[in-house]
Amino acid sequence: MKFKKILTVAAFMTATVGLSAQSLMVESAVQDLRKGSLKKAKTEIDAAAVHEKTKDDAKTWYYRALVYAQIGTDAQQAKPKYKGLAPDWADQAYQSALECKRLDSENEYNKGLVSVFSTVGYDFYNRSRKLFNEKNYAEAMQVASQAAEMYNNGGESDNASEAMFVAGLSAVAAHDTANIKKYFNQLMRKRTDKEQVYTYLFNVYKAEGNVDQAMKVASNYQKNSKNNYKAYLLLAEGYLLNGNVEKGKEVINQALELTKDSVNIYPALLCQSGALLELTNDIEGAQAKYQESLTLKPVQFEGNFNMGKMFYNRAVDKLQSAPEPDPFNEETIELASRLEEEAKGYFGQAITYLEKAVEYIDNLPEGQEKQMQRPNLGNALQALSTAYARVERYDDSKAAHQRFESLLAE
């Protein structure tokens, strides 16, 4: 994010007009501002802001905005000359700038106010980021929203969008659905290319069962990010949610086409595509995607885990479809026995892939990525424990279960 640096008094003064008509207090404030005597300038301009003859003059508020903005400039120096003169300088500068705009019917001061809005917007934006990092999400959202308003007043649309993005992320962290919609819909209308805006909005509408609105979000993402495969994946999910399976598959293939030359992205995208196909119960199509991914990149978690999961689920389906053996009916006994053997076969196949998934995580270097894989490791170990037991590898089942329990206890 690029920001303009805070301008000096000299730059501020380029937009000023003649002072002959100013009251003595305002003129004195201007002169002291030019000299850098901020303490005196503040006292004089504050007095002018409440004086009957000058409080309704746009020029008074213009110079008050400049004085407080310059106090802010001084406050941000390594060794400020006027430390503590106005801790609320950004709020005072902003309110003064707004009052100037309200009174300035001829827009005489608009150009000069741009720098004030930029200065206070920068301060509020940084404040919102600090609040976010401190996990004070509600206040971060409010301050970021104000920063966006300041930037918009100064005509800095890009910076306003960045501030609005922080407001939206704060709403996400605060689980504030209404404000997620508010800020991220505004960004979507501005045709942002930020992935999180679309994915969070999509998931909010998806959770609400508002499939049409989710589809609109995905469509906008694809229109605004035509070369981003993630936009196509979200659009494909939208079609699948709408029941348009064929169109969903078509868009999945478009996403794959965009990444076919990337040795890192393409195998991962094949796995994501397979997961989407699973949503439509296209098991064969999903398995083909996973297998292709593993052919290109055998050492990975996603492809191995997803293949293992598919065989595991097939085994469970076999067991669930088996009838209760009737001792007086040989057909039910034979069918139950046959389905159980088929299930054991699938569990055996699942084990092959699940072991590779666990091995992949175990071989990761210690660090953030390995830590992030802990939930995946737990899922794989839990599945392995059951699969081992079903193929009568009881010692392995016990070891996998114990390791899963230890993982939970850490």
Protein backbone atom coordinates (compact mmCIF):
# COMPACT_ATOMS: atom_id res chain seq x y z
CA MET A 1 0.00 0.00 0.00
CA LYS A 2 1.48 3.35 -1.01
CA PHE A 3 0.88 6.46 1.01
CA LYS A 4 1.85 10.06 0.56
CA LYS A 5 4.23 11.38 3.14
CA ILE A 6 2.94 14.08 5.45
CA LEU A 7 3.46 17.40 3.80
CA THR A 8 5.31 20.30 5.35
CA VAL A 9 3.83 23.67 6.18
CA ALA A 10 5.33 25.12 3.01
CA ALA A 11 3.38 22.62 0.90
CA PHE A 12 0.20 23.29 2.83
CA MET A 13 0.51 27.02 2.27
CA THR A 14 0.50 26.75 -1.52
CA ALA A 15 -3.26 26.49 -1.51
CA THR A 16 -3.89 29.44 0.81
CA VAL A 17 -5.54 32.69 -0.19
CA GLY A 18 -5.01 36.28 0.86
CA LEU A 19 -5.29 37.02 4.53
CA SER A 20 -6.36 40.65 4.38
CA ALA A 21 -9.93 39.78 5.28
CA GLN A 22 -8.97 37.48 8.11
CA SER A 23 -9.59 38.33 11.70
CA LEU A 24 -6.57 39.15 13.82
CA MET A 25 -6.69 35.75 15.55
CA VAL A 26 -6.74 33.77 12.31
CA GLU A 27 -4.02 35.95 10.76
CA SER A 28 -1.84 35.56 13.84
CA ALA A 29 -2.34 31.76 13.73
CA VAL A 30 -1.31 31.70 10.07
CA GLN A 31 1.81 33.72 10.73
CA ASP A 32 2.81 31.49 13.63
CA LEU A 33 2.10 28.41 11.54
CA ARG A 34 4.48 29.75 8.88
CA LYS A 35 7.13 30.30 11.52
CA GLY A 36 6.64 26.82 12.94
CA SER A 37 5.38 28.20 16.27
CA LEU A 38 2.75 25.51 16.62
CA LYS A 39 1.89 26.06 20.28
CA LYS A 40 0.96 29.70 19.66
CA ALA A 41 -0.77 28.86 16.38
CA LYS A 42 -2.89 26.23 18.13
CA THR A 43 -3.96 28.63 20.89
CA GLU A 44 -4.92 31.31 18.37
CA ILE A 45 -6.77 29.09 15.93
CA ASP A 46 -8.68 27.32 18.72
CA ALA A 47 -9.82 30.74 19.95
CA ALA A 48 -10.91 31.70 16.43
CA ALA A 49 -12.90 28.46 16.13
CA VAL A 50 -15.19 29.50 19.01
CA HIS A 51 -15.28 33.26 18.38
CA GLU A 52 -18.60 34.60 17.10
CA LYS A 53 -17.00 36.48 14.20
CA THR A 54 -14.87 33.61 12.90
CA LYS A 55 -16.46 30.33 13.96
CA ASP A 56 -18.65 30.16 10.84
CA ASP A 57 -15.88 31.05 8.41
CA ALA A 58 -14.56 28.17 6.29
CA LYS A 59 -11.14 29.80 6.30
CA THR A 60 -10.90 29.47 10.08
CA TRP A 61 -11.47 25.73 9.91
CA TYR A 62 -9.14 25.38 6.98
CA TYR A 63 -6.25 26.83 8.94
CA ARG A 64 -7.24 24.90 12.03
CA ALA A 65 -7.00 21.70 9.98
CA LEU A 66 -3.55 22.76 8.77
CA VAL A 67 -2.33 23.61 12.26
CA TYR A 68 -3.38 20.28 13.71
CA ALA A 69 -2.03 18.35 10.73
CA GLN A 70 1.31 20.07 11.24
CA ILE A 71 1.20 19.17 14.93
CA GLY A 72 0.79 15.59 13.75
CA THR A 73 3.82 15.95 11.50
CA ASP A 74 5.87 17.14 14.46
CA ALA A 75 4.52 14.39 16.73
CA GLN A 76 5.79 11.70 14.36
CA GLN A 77 9.36 12.95 14.35
CA ALA A 78 12.03 11.05 16.28
CA LYS A 79 12.42 14.04 18.60
CA PRO A 80 9.21 16.10 18.41
CA LYS A 81 9.51 19.75 19.31
CA TYR A 82 5.97 19.90 20.66
CA LYS A 83 5.60 16.51 22.30
CA GLY A 84 2.12 16.01 23.76
CA LEU A 85 0.77 19.30 22.40
CA ALA A 86 -2.31 17.63 20.91
CA PRO A 87 -2.50 13.83 21.30
CA ASP A 88 -5.83 13.91 19.42
CA TRP A 89 -4.36 15.92 16.54
CA ALA A 90 -5.69 13.54 13.86
CA ASP A 91 -9.27 13.73 15.15
CA GLN A 92 -9.06 17.52 15.46
CA ALA A 93 -7.58 17.93 12.00
CA TYR A 94 -10.22 15.68 10.46
CA GLN A 95 -13.18 17.36 12.16
CA SER A 96 -11.80 20.76 11.19
CA ALA A 97 -11.43 19.65 7.58
CA LEU A 98 -15.01 18.39 7.52
CA GLU A 99 -16.28 21.64 9.00
CA CYS A 100 -14.34 23.57 6.39
CA LYS A 101 -15.93 21.53 3.62
CA ARG A 102 -19.38 22.11 5.10
CA LEU A 103 -18.91 25.89 5.19
CA ASP A 104 -16.95 26.19 1.93
CA SER A 105 -19.83 26.64 -0.52
CA GLU A 106 -17.47 27.64 -3.35
CA ASN A 107 -15.04 24.74 -2.78
CA GLU A 108 -12.24 27.26 -2.33
CA TYR A 109 -10.21 25.04 0.00
CA ASN A 110 -10.74 21.58 -1.47
CA LYS A 111 -7.27 21.36 -2.98
CA GLY A 112 -5.54 22.35 0.23
CA LEU A 113 -7.60 19.89 2.29
CA VAL A 114 -6.43 16.89 0.26
CA SER A 115 -3.17 16.76 2.18
CA VAL A 116 -4.99 16.99 5.50
CA PHE A 117 -7.24 14.07 4.64
CA SER A 118 -4.21 12.08 3.48
CA THR A 119 -2.33 12.82 6.70
CA VAL A 120 -5.15 11.86 9.05
CA GLY A 121 -6.14 8.89 6.90
CA TYR A 122 -2.62 7.54 7.18
CA ASP A 123 -2.72 7.92 10.97
CA PHE A 124 -6.12 6.26 11.30
CA TYR A 125 -5.11 3.44 8.96
CA ASN A 126 -2.00 2.67 11.02
CA ARG A 127 -4.07 2.86 14.17
CA SER A 128 -6.56 0.33 12.75
CA ARG A 129 -3.77 -2.10 11.86
CA LYS A 130 -2.34 -1.82 15.37
CA LEU A 131 -5.77 -2.47 16.90
CA PHE A 132 -6.24 -5.46 14.60
CA ASN A 133 -2.89 -6.94 15.64
CA GLU A 134 -3.93 -6.44 19.26
CA LYS A 135 -7.14 -8.39 18.45
CA ASN A 136 -9.32 -5.41 19.27
CA TYR A 137 -11.40 -6.16 16.20
CA ALA A 138 -14.49 -4.05 16.88
CA GLU A 139 -12.49 -0.86 17.37
CA ALA A 140 -10.15 -1.74 14.49
CA MET A 141 -13.16 -2.03 12.21
CA GLN A 142 -14.49 1.38 13.27
CA VAL A 143 -11.14 3.16 12.92
CA ALA A 144 -10.41 1.51 9.54
CA SER A 145 -13.84 2.59 8.31
CA GLN A 146 -13.05 6.16 9.36
CA ALA A 147 -9.70 5.95 7.58
CA ALA A 148 -11.50 4.89 4.40
CA GLU A 149 -13.85 7.86 4.73
CA MET A 150 -10.87 10.21 5.15
CA TYR A 151 -9.12 8.83 2.10
CA ASN A 152 -12.29 9.09 0.04
CA ASN A 153 -12.65 12.74 1.08
CA GLY A 154 -9.10 13.27 -0.12
CA GLY A 155 -9.75 11.53 -3.43
CA GLU A 156 -7.43 8.61 -2.62
CA SER A 157 -9.58 5.70 -3.77
CA ASP A 158 -6.88 3.02 -3.64
CA ASN A 159 -5.91 3.85 -0.07
CA ALA A 160 -9.59 4.00 0.89
CA SER A 161 -10.00 0.47 -0.46
CA GLU A 162 -7.04 -0.75 1.60
CA ALA A 163 -8.57 0.74 4.75
CA MET A 164 -11.94 -0.78 3.92
CA PHE A 165 -10.23 -4.15 3.48
CA VAL A 166 -8.88 -3.91 7.04
CA ALA A 167 -12.40 -3.07 8.21
CA GLY A 168 -13.71 -6.16 6.44
CA LEU A 169 -10.99 -8.42 7.86
CA SER A 170 -11.80 -7.05 11.31
CA ALA A 171 -15.44 -7.95 10.76
CA VAL A 172 -14.40 -11.48 9.78
CA ALA A 173 -12.29 -11.82 12.93
CA ALA A 174 -15.18 -10.49 15.02
CA HIS A 175 -17.66 -12.90 13.32
CA ASP A 176 -19.72 -9.85 12.38
CA THR A 177 -21.63 -11.12 9.36
CA ALA A 178 -23.49 -7.87 8.67
CA ASN A 179 -20.28 -5.86 8.43
CA ILE A 180 -18.49 -8.55 6.40
CA LYS A 181 -21.23 -8.01 3.82
CA LYS A 182 -21.10 -4.23 4.19
CA TYR A 183 -17.39 -3.72 3.62
CA PHE A 184 -16.65 -6.58 1.25
CA ASN A 185 -19.66 -5.82 -0.97
CA GLN A 186 -18.37 -2.25 -1.27
CA LEU A 187 -14.97 -3.58 -2.30
CA MET A 188 -16.56 -5.98 -4.77
CA ARG A 189 -18.42 -3.07 -6.35
CA LYS A 190 -15.06 -1.33 -6.70
CA ARG A 191 -13.90 -4.40 -8.64
CA THR A 192 -11.20 -5.39 -6.20
CA ASP A 193 -9.03 -8.35 -7.09
CA LYS A 194 -8.49 -9.45 -3.47
CA GLU A 195 -9.26 -13.14 -3.13
CA GLN A 196 -10.34 -12.93 0.53
CA VAL A 197 -13.10 -10.45 -0.28
CA TYR A 198 -14.81 -12.92 -2.59
CA THR A 199 -14.17 -16.12 -0.65
CA TYR A 200 -15.42 -14.71 2.66
CA LEU A 201 -18.49 -13.18 1.01
CA PHE A 202 -19.19 -16.39 -0.88
CA ASN A 203 -18.94 -18.50 2.26
CA VAL A 204 -21.20 -16.12 4.22
CA TYR A 205 -23.95 -16.39 1.60
CA LYS A 206 -23.35 -20.12 1.24
CA ALA A 207 -23.79 -20.62 5.00
CA GLU A 208 -27.02 -18.61 4.85
CA GLY A 209 -28.31 -20.79 2.03
CA ASN A 210 -28.42 -17.77 -0.29
CA VAL A 211 -27.12 -19.62 -3.33
CA ASP A 212 -28.09 -16.90 -5.82
CA GLN A 213 -26.10 -14.25 -3.98
CA ALA A 214 -23.14 -16.62 -3.57
CA MET A 215 -23.25 -17.19 -7.31
CA LYS A 216 -23.21 -13.43 -7.96
CA VAL A 217 -20.10 -13.10 -5.80
CA ALA A 218 -18.34 -15.90 -7.67
CA SER A 219 -19.34 -14.42 -11.04
CA ASN A 220 -17.97 -11.01 -10.05
CA TYR A 221 -14.72 -12.59 -8.91
CA GLN A 222 -14.26 -14.32 -12.24
CA LYS A 223 -15.09 -11.13 -14.17
CA ASN A 224 -12.68 -9.05 -12.11
CA SER A 225 -9.86 -11.64 -12.07
CA LYS A 226 -10.00 -13.35 -15.45
CA ASN A 227 -6.54 -14.89 -15.14
CA ASN A 228 -6.88 -16.11 -11.56
CA TYR A 229 -7.62 -19.84 -11.37
CA LYS A 230 -9.04 -19.39 -7.85
CA ALA A 231 -11.81 -17.25 -9.30
CA TYR A 232 -12.77 -20.08 -11.65
CA LEU A 233 -12.78 -22.60 -8.80
CA LEU A 234 -15.13 -20.41 -6.78
CA LEU A 235 -17.36 -19.99 -9.81
CA ALA A 236 -17.35 -23.76 -10.33
CA GLU A 237 -18.44 -24.27 -6.73
CA GLY A 238 -21.22 -21.76 -7.33
CA TYR A 239 -22.49 -23.71 -10.32
CA LEU A 240 -22.33 -26.96 -8.36
CA LEU A 241 -24.29 -25.40 -5.50
CA ASN A 242 -26.88 -24.33 -8.05
CA GLY A 243 -27.10 -27.88 -9.35
CA ASN A 244 -25.53 -26.99 -12.70
CA VAL A 245 -23.04 -29.85 -12.67
CA GLU A 246 -22.05 -29.71 -16.31
CA LYS A 247 -21.28 -25.99 -16.18
CA GLY A 248 -19.37 -26.55 -12.94
CA LYS A 249 -17.18 -29.19 -14.59
CA GLU A 250 -16.61 -26.90 -17.57
CA VAL A 251 -15.35 -24.10 -15.34
CA ILE A 252 -13.14 -26.54 -13.39
CA ASN A 253 -11.48 -27.45 -16.66
CA GLN A 254 -10.99 -23.76 -17.45
CA ALA A 255 -9.19 -23.35 -14.13
CA LEU A 256 -7.00 -26.34 -14.90
CA GLU A 257 -6.21 -24.96 -18.34
CA LEU A 258 -4.96 -21.73 -16.77
CA THR A 259 -2.45 -23.61 -14.61
CA LYS A 260 -1.44 -26.59 -16.73
CA ASP A 261 2.10 -25.28 -17.18
CA SER A 262 2.71 -24.73 -13.45
CA VAL A 263 4.42 -27.72 -11.86
CA ASN A 264 3.48 -26.51 -8.39
CA ILE A 265 -0.05 -25.15 -8.81
CA TYR A 266 -1.48 -27.69 -11.27
CA PRO A 267 -1.19 -30.81 -9.05
CA ALA A 268 -2.73 -28.93 -6.10
CA LEU A 269 -5.52 -27.63 -8.31
CA LEU A 270 -6.27 -31.14 -9.52
CA CYS A 271 -6.90 -32.08 -5.87
CA GLN A 272 -9.17 -29.08 -5.35
CA SER A 273 -11.04 -29.99 -8.53
CA GLY A 274 -11.45 -33.54 -7.32
CA ALA A 275 -12.88 -32.28 -4.02
CA LEU A 276 -15.47 -30.22 -5.92
CA LEU A 277 -16.42 -33.24 -8.02
CA GLU A 278 -16.92 -35.23 -4.83
CA LEU A 279 -19.61 -32.71 -3.87
CA THR A 280 -21.58 -33.89 -6.92
CA ASN A 281 -20.98 -37.59 -6.06
CA ASP A 282 -18.86 -37.92 -9.18
CA ILE A 283 -16.55 -40.36 -7.40
CA GLU A 284 -14.89 -41.65 -10.53
CA GLY A 285 -14.20 -38.13 -11.80
CA ALA A 286 -12.80 -37.09 -8.44
CA GLN A 287 -10.60 -40.16 -8.19
CA ALA A 288 -9.23 -39.49 -11.67
CA LYS A 289 -8.22 -35.96 -10.63
CA TYR A 290 -6.53 -37.20 -7.46
CA GLN A 291 -4.70 -39.93 -9.33
CA GLU A 292 -3.48 -37.51 -11.99
CA SER A 293 -2.22 -35.20 -9.26
CA LEU A 294 -0.32 -38.06 -7.60
CA THR A 295 1.17 -39.12 -10.92
CA LEU A 296 2.60 -35.64 -11.35
CA LYS A 297 3.56 -35.19 -7.70
CA PRO A 298 3.66 -38.46 -5.70
CA VAL A 299 4.99 -36.86 -2.51
CA GLN A 300 2.16 -34.69 -1.21
CA PHE A 301 -0.52 -34.69 1.47
CA GLU A 302 -3.68 -33.65 -0.38
CA GLY A 303 -3.67 -36.24 -3.15
CA ASN A 304 -2.74 -39.11 -0.86
CA PHE A 305 -5.19 -38.15 1.88
CA ASN A 306 -8.06 -37.60 -0.54
CA MET A 307 -7.46 -40.92 -2.28
CA GLY A 308 -7.23 -42.65 1.10
CA LYS A 309 -10.41 -40.91 2.23
CA MET A 310 -12.29 -42.04 -0.89
CA PHE A 311 -11.33 -45.69 -0.39
CA TYR A 312 -12.12 -45.38 3.33
CA ASN A 313 -15.58 -44.00 2.55
CA ARG A 314 -16.23 -46.77 0.02
CA ALA A 315 -15.39 -49.30 2.71
CA VAL A 316 -17.80 -47.62 5.12
CA ASP A 317 -20.51 -47.64 2.44
CA LYS A 318 -20.03 -51.40 1.99
CA LEU A 319 -20.33 -52.05 5.72
CA GLN A 320 -23.41 -49.86 6.04
CA SER A 321 -25.13 -51.60 3.13
CA ALA A 322 -24.51 -55.08 4.55
CA PRO A 323 -27.68 -56.72 5.92
CA GLU A 324 -27.88 -58.07 9.44
CA PRO A 325 -26.93 -61.76 9.06
CA ASP A 326 -29.93 -64.02 9.58
CA PRO A 327 -28.81 -67.44 10.90
CA PHE A 328 -31.80 -68.98 9.12
CA ASN A 329 -31.07 -67.27 5.81
CA GLU A 330 -27.84 -68.28 4.09
CA GLU A 331 -28.17 -65.53 1.48
CA THR A 332 -27.94 -62.76 4.08
CA ILE A 333 -24.97 -64.46 5.72
CA GLU A 334 -23.22 -64.81 2.38
CA LEU A 335 -24.01 -61.22 1.33
CA ALA A 336 -22.86 -59.76 4.64
CA SER A 337 -19.63 -61.79 4.46
CA ARG A 338 -18.97 -60.72 0.88
CA LEU A 339 -19.56 -57.02 1.60
CA GLU A 340 -17.33 -57.18 4.66
CA GLU A 341 -14.52 -58.67 2.57
CA GLU A 342 -14.99 -55.94 -0.04
CA ALA A 343 -14.86 -53.36 2.73
CA LYS A 344 -11.61 -54.85 4.03
CA GLY A 345 -10.18 -54.54 0.52
CA TYR A 346 -11.07 -50.86 0.39
CA PHE A 347 -9.70 -50.28 3.89
CA GLY A 348 -6.45 -51.89 2.73
CA GLN A 349 -6.24 -49.53 -0.23
CA ALA A 350 -7.06 -46.58 2.01
CA ILE A 351 -4.19 -47.50 4.33
CA THR A 352 -1.67 -47.30 1.49
CA TYR A 353 -2.54 -43.68 0.76
CA LEU A 354 -3.15 -42.57 4.34
CA GLU A 355 0.27 -43.84 5.39
CA LYS A 356 1.85 -41.76 2.63
CA ALA A 357 -0.12 -38.71 3.80
CA VAL A 358 1.19 -39.14 7.35
CA GLU A 359 4.70 -39.76 6.06
CA TYR A 360 4.60 -36.52 4.08
CA ILE A 361 3.77 -34.48 7.21
CA ASP A 362 6.33 -36.35 9.32
CA ASN A 363 9.06 -35.48 6.82
CA LEU A 364 8.31 -31.75 6.83
CA PRO A 365 10.97 -29.62 8.54
CA GLU A 366 10.01 -28.27 11.93
CA GLY A 367 8.32 -24.93 11.52
CA GLN A 368 5.12 -23.13 10.67
CA GLU A 369 4.06 -25.39 7.79
CA LYS A 370 4.36 -28.53 9.89
CA GLN A 371 2.44 -26.85 12.69
CA MET A 372 -0.34 -25.87 10.30
CA GLN A 373 -0.61 -29.49 9.16
CA ARG A 374 -1.45 -30.75 12.67
CA PRO A 375 -5.24 -30.93 12.04
CA ASN A 376 -4.60 -32.86 8.81
CA LEU A 377 -2.25 -35.22 10.64
CA GLY A 378 -4.92 -35.85 13.25
CA ASN A 379 -7.53 -36.67 10.61
CA ALA A 380 -5.19 -39.09 8.85
CA LEU A 381 -4.18 -40.86 12.08
CA GLN A 382 -7.79 -41.22 13.19
CA ALA A 383 -8.75 -42.78 9.85
CA LEU A 384 -5.71 -45.04 9.92
CA SER A 385 -6.57 -46.31 13.39
CA THR A 386 -9.98 -47.49 12.20
CA ALA A 387 -8.70 -48.86 8.89
CA TYR A 388 -5.94 -50.89 10.61
CA ALA A 389 -8.47 -52.39 13.01
CA ARG A 390 -10.76 -53.39 10.14
CA VAL A 391 -7.96 -55.32 8.44
CA GLU A 392 -6.98 -56.87 11.79
CA ARG A 393 -3.71 -54.95 12.18
CA TYR A 394 -4.49 -54.31 15.82
CA ASP A 395 -1.02 -53.28 16.99
CA ASP A 396 -0.83 -50.68 14.22
CA SER A 397 -4.34 -49.51 15.09
CA LYS A 398 -3.40 -49.04 18.73
CA ALA A 399 -0.21 -47.15 17.81
CA ALA A 400 -2.09 -44.81 15.45
CA HIS A 401 -4.74 -44.17 18.10
CA GLN A 402 -2.17 -43.44 20.79
CA ARG A 403 -0.37 -41.03 18.51
CA PHE A 404 -3.68 -39.30 17.74
CA GLU A 405 -4.43 -38.96 21.47
CA SER A 406 -0.96 -37.54 22.09
CA LEU A 407 -1.50 -35.02 19.33
CA LEU A 408 -4.70 -33.84 21.01
CA ALA A 409 -2.95 -33.54 24.35
CA GLU A 410 -0.12 -31.34 23.06
